[in-house]
Amino acid sequence: MQKCKRYFVERDGFENMTYPKEVITEALHLYAQGLSLAETVAT
């Protein structure tokens, strides 16, 4: 019996993004907490 030799990744909406999903979610979290965009970038 042959093995598939392929692997699959979970599609979580962050495919082909420049930054890792942890960075994106942290920035969105800070923005939702009330920080301005300038304060979010400085953090």
Protein backbone atom coordinates (compact mmCIF):
# COMPACT_ATOMS: atom_id res chain seq x y z
CA MET A 1 0.00 0.00 0.00
CA GLN A 2 1.36 3.44 -0.96
CA LYS A 3 1.48 6.41 1.35
CA CYS A 4 0.06 9.73 0.26
CA LYS A 5 3.28 11.76 0.93
CA ARG A 6 1.26 14.93 1.19
CA TYR A 7 0.59 17.05 4.19
CA PHE A 8 -2.33 19.30 4.91
CA VAL A 9 -2.50 22.53 6.84
CA GLU A 10 -5.45 23.95 8.65
CA ARG A 11 -6.95 26.89 6.79
CA ASP A 12 -7.33 29.51 9.51
CA GLY A 13 -7.61 32.68 7.42
CA PHE A 14 -3.97 33.71 7.81
CA GLU A 15 -2.59 32.11 4.65
CA ASN A 16 -0.16 34.26 2.63
CA MET A 17 0.06 36.95 5.32
CA THR A 18 3.24 38.97 5.74
CA TYR A 19 3.26 38.75 9.53
CA PRO A 20 2.67 35.73 11.77
CA LYS A 21 -0.88 35.25 13.03
CA GLU A 22 0.22 35.89 16.62
CA VAL A 23 1.38 39.41 15.70
CA ILE A 24 -1.83 40.16 13.80
CA THR A 25 -4.10 38.95 16.59
CA GLU A 26 -2.14 40.88 19.22
CA ALA A 27 -2.41 44.10 17.19
CA LEU A 28 -6.15 43.59 16.75
CA HIS A 29 -6.53 42.87 20.45
CA LEU A 30 -4.70 46.09 21.40
CA TYR A 31 -6.82 48.08 18.93
CA ALA A 32 -10.02 46.58 20.37
CA GLN A 33 -8.86 47.54 23.87
CA GLY A 34 -8.94 51.19 22.79
CA LEU A 35 -5.36 51.92 21.80
CA SER A 36 -4.94 54.18 18.81
CA LEU A 37 -3.15 52.91 15.71
CA ALA A 38 -0.04 54.93 16.64
CA GLU A 39 -0.04 53.44 20.15
CA THR A 40 -0.53 49.95 18.73
CA VAL A 41 2.50 50.38 16.43
CA ALA A 42 4.60 51.73 19.32
CA THR A 43 3.73 48.72 21.49
